[in-house]
Amino acid sequence: MDLVLAIADSKDPFMPGLLAHQEQAGPLISFLREHQPEHCIVYLLPPHAGQDEALRNALADGFPSLSCEIRPLALRNISDQEELLQEMRQEAHRLTRSFPADDIRIACHEESGVILSVWQELVEEGTLLAELYTIGVSNRPPLQGPRIQQLQLNATPRLNLLRETAPPQLEYVREELGCIGNHPSYQQAIDAALSLAAHDGVLLLRGETGTGRESIARLIHRMGDRHAFDFVWVNCNHLPSHYLDSVLFGHVRGAFVGARQDDEGKMGLAHNGTLYLYNVENLPAHIQESLVRYLHTGELRPQGSDEPRKRNVRLILGTELPPARSLRNKLLTPELHDLVSDREIVLPALRERRTDIPHLALHFLARINRSLRQPKRLTPEALEFLENQVWSRNLNDLRNAIERAALYARDDVPATHWRGLSANRARRPLRPG
């Protein structure tokens, strides 16, 4: 017998979605769709009016074979954690006599606060033998679906100490980093990134401004063996030419005027982790030669030092230009070109994956909604309008357009919000960069 327990949340059974006039599944419905149990017991917090009938109808329509019981809880104060805990302890004692421990799962909205703490304490103290899951549904774009995680409690019986039972799953890392889309051209780049994440050699990420090169670099880092160490990002456009060696490779005290102490440089900061060099073609030849030497020997020489130092860093290079063109224009040295020419991932522009634009727009809207007192929604016509626009700076332009609309729209955002704006005004960034 497979049993799911849940205390209904205010977002059950359905809640407003990111699209106007659309509802999306709440935590309980989302969990039941994912796990398909045989039995379910749902507890209702007072006041019960309205939610009882809505839940019964939703469960009957969506899960006709599910045996479900809805039990109202008689509580004087729903914010009193101790009162709820005592009530659920009594329920737990009855349940454990009827269901084996490995057959009980608890579904809880990740933002439910007191409810999550109560479930946690019941499992921690051994009163309820069950697996505990949290479900994230707030501001979730349709492409991403709910965030469902199984949690394991620490051995020490203390409240609110949780950790994930497994390393981060790919879908959650992609969502966190904004690697959104399922167009074949983008999926090909994701697949290549995951393949190369398992290896430790240098690689090159190529794409136009705003195609998400840094996000892919971070994805490779997170999904590889170096994920527990630092990811260090360097924009080679902004490095002072007279301090390049020092910034990247470090220096010793007295190496130059103002060098009052040793500095390990960016390579030192990224030791055991990943160093992402953005716009690598702007590095002068002697710096590129030092990088090639490091890639062959694993050693670098800080400025002012005669002794080489061992470093263990994965290098990821980013550029807008094809390697052959950079070589032809003498922007890449032949040696560095040879190392990356067969390790290149090309990121498509938005115009090449237009079907991903609605999913990206909803993803950006979900992000900005977290900081708004009144969350906004997009109309289907707005999504269609966005899909057909030209985004010269790709994700940067689209993100700025969505953020501006969410900040200034009074209600749901229609397509007409952007039609009255010139291209330059619609894409003007909200902040520098």
Protein backbone atom coordinates (compact mmCIF):
# COMPACT_ATOMS: atom_id res chain seq x y z
CA MET A 1 0.00 0.00 0.00
CA ASP A 2 1.42 3.37 -1.09
CA LEU A 3 0.27 6.39 0.95
CA VAL A 4 0.88 10.11 0.50
CA LEU A 5 0.25 12.52 3.37
CA ALA A 6 -0.21 16.25 2.94
CA ILE A 7 -1.53 19.26 4.81
CA ALA A 8 -3.30 21.37 2.20
CA ASP A 9 -1.59 24.65 1.39
CA SER A 10 -3.27 27.89 0.38
CA LYS A 11 -2.05 27.15 -3.16
CA ASP A 12 -3.98 23.83 -3.28
CA PRO A 13 -5.49 22.56 -5.43
CA PHE A 14 -4.69 25.24 -8.07
CA MET A 15 -3.06 28.66 -8.15
CA PRO A 16 -2.68 31.52 -10.68
CA GLY A 17 -0.10 30.80 -13.37
CA LEU A 18 2.31 33.12 -15.17
CA LEU A 19 -0.04 33.34 -18.15
CA ALA A 20 -3.13 35.52 -17.83
CA HIS A 21 -6.39 33.59 -17.27
CA GLN A 22 -4.40 30.41 -16.56
CA GLU A 23 -4.23 28.26 -13.46
CA GLN A 24 -1.42 25.87 -12.59
CA ALA A 25 -1.32 22.90 -10.27
CA GLY A 26 -0.57 23.53 -6.61
CA PRO A 27 1.92 21.51 -4.51
CA LEU A 28 -0.34 18.54 -3.81
CA ILE A 29 -1.63 18.05 -7.36
CA SER A 30 1.92 18.44 -8.70
CA PHE A 31 3.24 15.76 -6.35
CA LEU A 32 0.42 13.32 -7.08
CA ARG A 33 0.97 13.68 -10.82
CA GLU A 34 4.64 12.86 -10.34
CA HIS A 35 4.31 9.90 -7.97
CA GLN A 36 0.87 8.39 -8.72
CA PRO A 37 0.21 6.79 -5.27
CA GLU A 38 -2.61 4.39 -4.42
CA HIS A 39 -3.83 6.25 -1.33
CA CYS A 40 -3.77 9.82 -0.11
CA ILE A 41 -4.78 11.55 3.12
CA VAL A 42 -5.10 15.35 2.98
CA TYR A 43 -5.46 17.39 6.16
CA LEU A 44 -7.25 20.73 6.03
CA LEU A 45 -6.37 23.67 8.21
CA PRO A 46 -9.23 25.93 9.33
CA PRO A 47 -11.12 27.65 7.87
CA HIS A 48 -12.13 24.73 5.68
CA ALA A 49 -14.92 26.41 3.71
CA GLY A 50 -14.42 26.25 -0.03
CA GLN A 51 -11.12 24.36 -0.08
CA ASP A 52 -12.73 21.05 0.93
CA GLU A 53 -15.04 20.98 -2.08
CA ALA A 54 -12.38 22.31 -4.47
CA LEU A 55 -9.94 19.61 -3.39
CA ARG A 56 -12.49 16.82 -3.69
CA ASN A 57 -13.43 17.89 -7.20
CA ALA A 58 -9.81 18.30 -8.33
CA LEU A 59 -8.77 14.92 -6.95
CA ALA A 60 -11.80 13.13 -8.37
CA ASP A 61 -11.29 14.66 -11.82
CA GLY A 62 -7.52 14.27 -11.99
CA PHE A 63 -7.03 10.97 -10.17
CA PRO A 64 -10.11 8.76 -10.57
CA SER A 65 -8.31 5.64 -9.32
CA LEU A 66 -6.84 7.33 -6.24
CA SER A 67 -8.30 6.41 -2.85
CA CYS A 68 -8.31 9.75 -1.06
CA GLU A 69 -9.52 10.89 2.34
CA ILE A 70 -9.81 14.54 3.40
CA ARG A 71 -9.61 15.18 7.14
CA PRO A 72 -10.30 18.65 8.61
CA LEU A 73 -8.11 19.57 11.58
CA ALA A 74 -9.75 21.22 14.59
CA LEU A 75 -7.19 23.84 15.58
CA ARG A 76 -7.74 27.01 17.59
CA ASN A 77 -4.69 28.81 16.15
CA ILE A 78 -3.29 27.65 12.80
CA SER A 79 -0.03 29.57 13.39
CA ASP A 80 0.62 27.71 16.67
CA GLN A 81 3.29 25.17 15.72
CA GLU A 82 3.02 23.25 18.99
CA GLU A 83 -0.75 22.78 18.68
CA LEU A 84 -0.38 21.51 15.11
CA LEU A 85 2.47 19.23 16.17
CA GLN A 86 0.40 17.60 18.93
CA GLU A 87 -2.53 17.07 16.57
CA MET A 88 -0.33 15.47 13.93
CA ARG A 89 1.45 13.28 16.49
CA GLN A 90 -1.88 11.62 17.24
CA GLU A 91 -2.45 11.10 13.53
CA ALA A 92 1.04 9.66 13.11
CA HIS A 93 0.51 7.04 15.81
CA ARG A 94 -2.62 5.83 14.04
CA LEU A 95 -1.00 5.77 10.60
CA THR A 96 2.17 3.85 11.51
CA ARG A 97 0.07 0.93 12.70
CA SER A 98 -1.51 0.59 9.25
CA PHE A 99 1.27 1.49 6.79
CA PRO A 100 4.91 0.26 6.56
CA ALA A 101 7.52 3.03 6.81
CA ASP A 102 8.76 2.61 3.26
CA ASP A 103 5.22 3.06 1.92
CA ILE A 104 4.54 6.51 3.39
CA ARG A 105 5.58 9.72 1.66
CA ILE A 106 4.94 13.27 2.85
CA ALA A 107 4.31 16.02 0.31
CA CYS A 108 4.90 19.56 1.58
CA HIS A 109 5.08 22.93 -0.13
CA GLU A 110 8.67 24.22 0.24
CA GLU A 111 7.43 27.64 1.42
CA SER A 112 4.95 26.34 4.01
CA GLY A 113 7.03 27.28 7.07
CA VAL A 114 5.27 25.90 10.15
CA ILE A 115 3.82 22.94 8.26
CA LEU A 116 7.24 21.87 6.96
CA SER A 117 8.74 22.22 10.44
CA VAL A 118 6.01 20.01 11.93
CA TRP A 119 6.48 17.27 9.34
CA GLN A 120 10.22 17.44 9.88
CA GLU A 121 10.01 17.09 13.65
CA LEU A 122 7.62 14.13 13.41
CA VAL A 123 10.06 12.27 11.16
CA GLU A 124 13.16 13.34 13.10
CA GLU A 125 11.83 12.16 16.42
CA GLY A 126 10.73 8.84 14.93
CA THR A 127 7.02 9.36 15.52
CA LEU A 128 6.29 9.11 11.80
CA LEU A 129 8.39 6.77 9.66
CA ALA A 130 8.17 8.30 6.19
CA GLU A 131 10.04 9.97 3.35
CA LEU A 132 9.77 13.77 3.25
CA TYR A 133 9.48 15.69 -0.03
CA THR A 134 9.20 19.40 -0.69
CA ILE A 135 7.45 20.82 -3.75
CA GLY A 136 8.19 24.19 -5.29
CA VAL A 137 5.49 25.59 -7.55
CA SER A 138 5.49 29.37 -7.05
CA ASN A 139 6.35 31.32 -10.22
CA ARG A 140 7.34 28.18 -12.11
CA PRO A 141 7.26 28.48 -15.92
CA PRO A 142 5.37 25.61 -17.61
CA LEU A 143 8.49 24.22 -19.30
CA GLN A 144 10.22 23.72 -15.97
CA GLY A 145 7.39 22.07 -14.05
CA PRO A 146 7.38 21.73 -10.24
CA ARG A 147 10.55 21.43 -8.19
CA ILE A 148 10.24 18.18 -6.22
CA GLN A 149 13.06 17.20 -3.88
CA GLN A 150 13.39 14.35 -1.42
CA LEU A 151 14.97 15.55 1.81
CA GLN A 152 16.91 13.64 4.41
CA LEU A 153 16.96 14.85 7.97
CA ASN A 154 20.19 15.12 9.93
CA ALA A 155 20.82 12.53 12.60
CA THR A 156 20.77 15.20 15.33
CA PRO A 157 17.12 15.82 16.22
CA ARG A 158 17.05 19.56 15.66
CA LEU A 159 14.41 21.53 13.86
CA ASN A 160 14.92 23.01 10.39
CA LEU A 161 18.15 21.22 9.52
CA LEU A 162 17.74 19.82 6.01
CA ARG A 163 20.06 18.68 3.26
CA GLU A 164 19.50 17.18 -0.15
CA THR A 165 20.05 13.45 -0.40
CA ALA A 166 21.78 13.60 -3.78
CA PRO A 167 23.88 16.04 -5.84
CA PRO A 168 21.87 18.72 -7.66
CA GLN A 169 19.89 17.31 -10.56
CA LEU A 170 20.49 18.66 -14.04
CA GLU A 171 17.02 20.19 -14.40
CA TYR A 172 17.42 22.21 -11.20
CA VAL A 173 20.91 23.41 -12.13
CA ARG A 174 19.67 24.46 -15.59
CA GLU A 175 16.80 26.39 -14.04
CA GLU A 176 19.02 28.11 -11.49
CA LEU A 177 21.53 29.17 -14.14
CA GLY A 178 18.90 30.16 -16.70
CA CYS A 179 19.85 27.47 -19.25
CA ILE A 180 16.26 27.39 -20.51
CA GLY A 181 15.12 25.94 -23.82
CA ASN A 182 14.50 22.73 -25.73
CA HIS A 183 15.12 23.83 -29.32
CA PRO A 184 17.36 21.24 -31.06
CA SER A 185 20.15 23.77 -31.66
CA TYR A 186 20.24 24.73 -27.98
CA GLN A 187 19.84 21.17 -26.78
CA GLN A 188 22.83 20.22 -28.92
CA ALA A 189 24.91 22.81 -27.04
CA ILE A 190 23.63 21.49 -23.68
CA ASP A 191 24.47 17.90 -24.65
CA ALA A 192 27.97 18.94 -25.72
CA ALA A 193 28.46 20.83 -22.44
CA LEU A 194 27.42 17.80 -20.39
CA SER A 195 29.74 15.53 -22.38
CA LEU A 196 32.70 17.86 -21.88
CA ALA A 197 31.85 18.40 -18.21
CA ALA A 198 32.98 14.81 -17.59
CA HIS A 199 36.45 15.63 -18.96
CA ASP A 200 38.96 18.12 -17.67
CA GLY A 201 40.53 19.72 -20.73
CA VAL A 202 40.29 23.31 -21.94
CA LEU A 203 37.27 24.20 -24.08
CA LEU A 204 35.86 27.14 -26.00
CA LEU A 205 32.35 28.60 -25.78
CA ARG A 206 31.37 30.67 -28.82
CA GLY A 207 28.27 32.78 -29.33
CA GLU A 208 26.98 36.29 -29.82
CA THR A 209 26.56 38.73 -26.96
CA GLY A 210 23.75 37.57 -24.68
CA THR A 211 23.58 33.93 -25.85
CA GLY A 212 24.41 32.66 -22.37
CA ARG A 213 28.04 31.62 -22.56
CA GLU A 214 28.70 32.25 -18.87
CA SER A 215 25.64 30.19 -17.90
CA ILE A 216 26.92 27.25 -19.94
CA ALA A 217 30.37 27.65 -18.39
CA ARG A 218 28.79 27.52 -14.93
CA LEU A 219 26.70 24.50 -15.98
CA ILE A 220 29.87 22.64 -17.01
CA HIS A 221 31.46 23.54 -13.67
CA ARG A 222 28.42 22.49 -11.62
CA MET A 223 27.96 19.17 -13.41
CA GLY A 224 31.66 18.24 -13.35
CA ASP A 225 34.00 16.91 -10.67
CA ARG A 226 35.06 20.43 -9.64
CA HIS A 227 31.60 21.60 -8.53
CA ALA A 228 32.62 21.77 -4.84
CA PHE A 229 35.32 24.36 -5.62
CA ASP A 230 35.24 27.93 -6.89
CA PHE A 231 34.10 29.18 -10.28
CA VAL A 232 36.07 32.35 -11.13
CA TRP A 233 34.93 34.66 -13.94
CA VAL A 234 37.24 37.12 -15.71
CA ASN A 235 36.27 39.60 -18.44
CA CYS A 236 39.44 39.95 -20.51
CA ASN A 237 38.14 43.27 -21.91
CA HIS A 238 38.46 44.89 -18.51
CA LEU A 239 41.92 43.70 -17.48
CA PRO A 240 44.50 46.50 -17.14
CA SER A 241 47.16 45.79 -19.75
CA HIS A 242 50.09 46.65 -17.46
CA TYR A 243 48.88 44.27 -14.73
CA LEU A 244 47.72 41.33 -16.86
CA ASP A 245 50.36 38.88 -15.61
CA SER A 246 49.70 39.84 -12.02
CA VAL A 247 45.91 39.65 -12.28
CA LEU A 248 45.89 36.20 -13.86
CA PHE A 249 48.98 34.50 -12.47
CA GLY A 250 49.62 36.45 -9.28
CA HIS A 251 52.75 38.19 -8.02
CA VAL A 252 55.17 38.15 -5.13
CA ARG A 253 55.84 41.00 -2.76
CA GLY A 254 58.03 43.68 -4.36
CA ALA A 255 57.39 42.50 -7.92
CA PHE A 256 56.42 46.06 -8.88
CA VAL A 257 55.69 49.39 -7.24
CA GLY A 258 52.67 48.89 -5.00
CA ALA A 259 53.08 45.08 -4.65
CA ARG A 260 53.16 45.11 -0.84
CA GLN A 261 52.22 41.47 -0.39
CA ASP A 262 51.95 38.22 -2.31
CA ASP A 263 48.85 37.75 -4.46
CA GLU A 264 47.82 34.38 -5.90
CA GLY A 265 45.94 35.89 -8.87
CA LYS A 266 42.82 34.54 -10.54
CA MET A 267 44.46 31.19 -11.26
CA GLY A 268 45.18 30.82 -7.57
CA LEU A 269 41.62 31.72 -6.62
CA ALA A 270 40.36 29.07 -9.02
CA HIS A 271 42.70 26.33 -7.75
CA ASN A 272 40.88 22.96 -7.97
CA GLY A 273 37.96 24.80 -9.58
CA THR A 274 37.21 26.51 -12.90
CA LEU A 275 38.46 29.74 -14.47
CA TYR A 276 36.26 31.21 -17.20
CA LEU A 277 38.03 33.75 -19.43
CA TYR A 278 35.44 35.81 -21.31
CA ASN A 279 36.56 37.51 -24.57
CA VAL A 280 39.80 35.54 -24.54
CA GLU A 281 40.75 36.92 -27.97
CA ASN A 282 41.56 40.22 -26.26
CA LEU A 283 44.45 38.71 -24.30
CA PRO A 284 47.86 39.61 -25.71
CA ALA A 285 49.97 36.89 -27.27
CA HIS A 286 52.42 36.53 -24.36
CA ILE A 287 49.54 35.86 -21.93
CA GLN A 288 48.04 33.28 -24.29
CA GLU A 289 51.46 31.63 -24.50
CA SER A 290 51.59 31.46 -20.69
CA LEU A 291 48.16 29.80 -20.68
CA VAL A 292 49.33 27.23 -23.25
CA ARG A 293 52.42 26.54 -21.14
CA TYR A 294 50.22 26.03 -18.09
CA LEU A 295 47.94 23.65 -20.00
CA HIS A 296 50.95 21.53 -20.95
CA THR A 297 52.80 21.58 -17.62
CA GLY A 298 50.27 22.47 -14.91
CA GLU A 299 52.67 25.17 -13.74
CA LEU A 300 52.63 28.96 -13.79
CA ARG A 301 55.09 31.62 -12.69
CA PRO A 302 53.82 34.55 -10.58
CA GLN A 303 55.17 37.93 -11.58
CA GLY A 304 58.48 38.62 -9.85
CA SER A 305 59.11 34.99 -8.93
CA ASP A 306 61.73 32.59 -10.30
CA GLU A 307 59.92 29.55 -8.95
CA PRO A 308 57.02 27.98 -10.89
CA ARG A 309 53.93 27.02 -8.90
CA LYS A 310 51.64 24.06 -9.45
CA ARG A 311 48.00 24.86 -10.09
CA ASN A 312 45.02 22.62 -10.78
CA VAL A 313 42.51 24.72 -12.73
CA ARG A 314 40.08 23.94 -15.51
CA LEU A 315 40.09 26.62 -18.19
CA ILE A 316 36.96 27.58 -20.13
CA LEU A 317 37.38 30.26 -22.79
CA GLY A 318 34.60 32.44 -24.17
CA THR A 319 34.52 34.34 -27.46
CA GLU A 320 32.20 35.81 -30.08
CA LEU A 321 34.50 34.91 -32.98
CA PRO A 322 35.08 31.58 -34.75
CA PRO A 323 38.56 30.25 -33.80
CA ALA A 324 39.71 30.20 -37.45
CA ARG A 325 38.81 33.87 -37.84
CA SER A 326 40.57 34.76 -34.58
CA LEU A 327 43.65 32.89 -35.80
CA ARG A 328 43.52 34.62 -39.18
CA ASN A 329 43.26 38.03 -37.52
CA LYS A 330 46.05 37.09 -35.10
CA LEU A 331 43.72 37.34 -32.11
CA LEU A 332 44.48 33.76 -31.03
CA THR A 333 47.95 32.26 -31.07
CA PRO A 334 48.32 29.11 -33.23
CA GLU A 335 49.13 27.02 -30.16
CA LEU A 336 45.99 28.06 -28.25
CA HIS A 337 43.88 27.66 -31.40
CA ASP A 338 45.10 24.09 -31.81
CA LEU A 339 44.11 23.25 -28.24
CA VAL A 340 40.51 24.50 -28.56
CA SER A 341 39.65 23.96 -32.23
CA ASP A 342 38.11 20.53 -31.58
CA ARG A 343 36.64 21.49 -28.18
CA GLU A 344 34.20 24.19 -29.24
CA ILE A 345 30.57 24.61 -28.18
CA VAL A 346 28.53 27.01 -30.32
CA LEU A 347 25.55 28.74 -28.67
CA PRO A 348 22.69 29.72 -31.01
CA ALA A 349 21.24 33.23 -31.10
CA LEU A 350 17.59 33.73 -30.13
CA ARG A 351 16.61 34.23 -33.78
CA GLU A 352 17.79 30.65 -34.37
CA ARG A 353 15.62 29.22 -31.56
CA ARG A 354 12.50 31.36 -31.52
CA THR A 355 10.35 28.60 -30.05
CA ASP A 356 12.33 28.96 -26.81
CA ILE A 357 11.46 32.66 -26.42
CA PRO A 358 8.08 32.10 -24.66
CA HIS A 359 9.73 29.75 -22.15
CA LEU A 360 12.55 32.22 -21.55
CA ALA A 361 10.09 35.10 -21.15
CA LEU A 362 8.15 33.18 -18.49
CA HIS A 363 11.40 32.22 -16.77
CA PHE A 364 12.47 35.88 -16.55
CA LEU A 365 8.98 36.87 -15.38
CA ALA A 366 9.09 34.25 -12.63
CA ARG A 367 12.41 35.67 -11.44
CA ILE A 368 11.24 39.27 -11.29
CA ASN A 369 7.90 38.28 -9.70
CA ARG A 370 9.77 37.10 -6.60
CA SER A 371 10.61 40.71 -5.80
CA LEU A 372 7.21 42.21 -6.62
CA ARG A 373 4.42 42.78 -4.14
CA GLN A 374 1.90 42.08 -6.91
CA PRO A 375 3.16 39.34 -9.29
CA LYS A 376 2.48 39.98 -12.98
CA ARG A 377 1.36 37.64 -15.75
CA LEU A 378 1.77 37.67 -19.53
CA THR A 379 -1.07 37.22 -21.97
CA PRO A 380 -0.71 34.55 -24.70
CA GLU A 381 -0.73 37.38 -27.26
CA ALA A 382 2.24 38.96 -25.48
CA LEU A 383 4.23 35.73 -25.71
CA GLU A 384 3.46 35.46 -29.43
CA PHE A 385 4.51 39.07 -29.92
CA LEU A 386 7.81 38.52 -28.09
CA GLU A 387 8.55 35.41 -30.12
CA ASN A 388 8.38 37.39 -33.35
CA GLN A 389 10.64 40.27 -32.28
CA VAL A 390 14.31 40.78 -33.12
CA TRP A 391 16.50 40.68 -30.01
CA SER A 392 19.86 42.02 -31.13
CA ARG A 393 21.49 41.39 -27.74
CA ASN A 394 19.62 38.10 -27.34
CA LEU A 395 18.87 37.16 -23.72
CA ASN A 396 20.01 40.55 -22.42
CA ASP A 397 17.38 42.40 -24.46
CA LEU A 398 14.60 39.92 -23.72
CA ARG A 399 15.33 39.96 -19.98
CA ASN A 400 15.33 43.77 -19.89
CA ALA A 401 12.03 43.93 -21.79
CA ILE A 402 10.33 41.50 -19.38
CA GLU A 403 11.70 43.19 -16.27
CA ARG A 404 10.64 46.63 -17.45
CA ALA A 405 7.15 45.39 -18.31
CA ALA A 406 6.72 43.65 -14.95
CA LEU A 407 7.85 46.75 -13.06
CA TYR A 408 5.64 49.24 -14.88
CA ALA A 409 2.54 47.28 -15.89
CA ARG A 410 -0.42 47.75 -13.55
CA ASP A 411 -1.91 44.33 -14.22
CA ASP A 412 -1.35 41.46 -16.66
CA VAL A 413 1.10 42.44 -19.40
CA PRO A 414 -0.51 42.50 -22.89
CA ALA A 415 1.27 42.55 -26.25
CA THR A 416 0.34 46.23 -26.63
CA HIS A 417 2.73 47.07 -23.78
CA TRP A 418 5.66 46.84 -26.21
CA ARG A 419 4.00 47.89 -29.46
CA GLY A 420 4.07 51.56 -28.54
CA LEU A 421 7.78 51.56 -27.76
CA SER A 422 10.60 52.07 -30.21
CA ALA A 423 13.10 49.26 -30.55
CA ASN A 424 15.79 51.21 -28.71
CA ARG A 425 13.51 52.21 -25.87
CA ALA A 426 12.09 48.69 -25.50
CA ARG A 427 15.55 47.25 -25.18
CA ARG A 428 17.18 49.94 -23.06
CA PRO A 429 18.78 48.15 -20.07
CA LEU A 430 17.42 48.74 -16.60
CA ARG A 431 20.94 48.78 -15.19
CA PRO A 432 24.45 49.22 -16.58
CA GLY A 433 25.87 46.15 -18.38
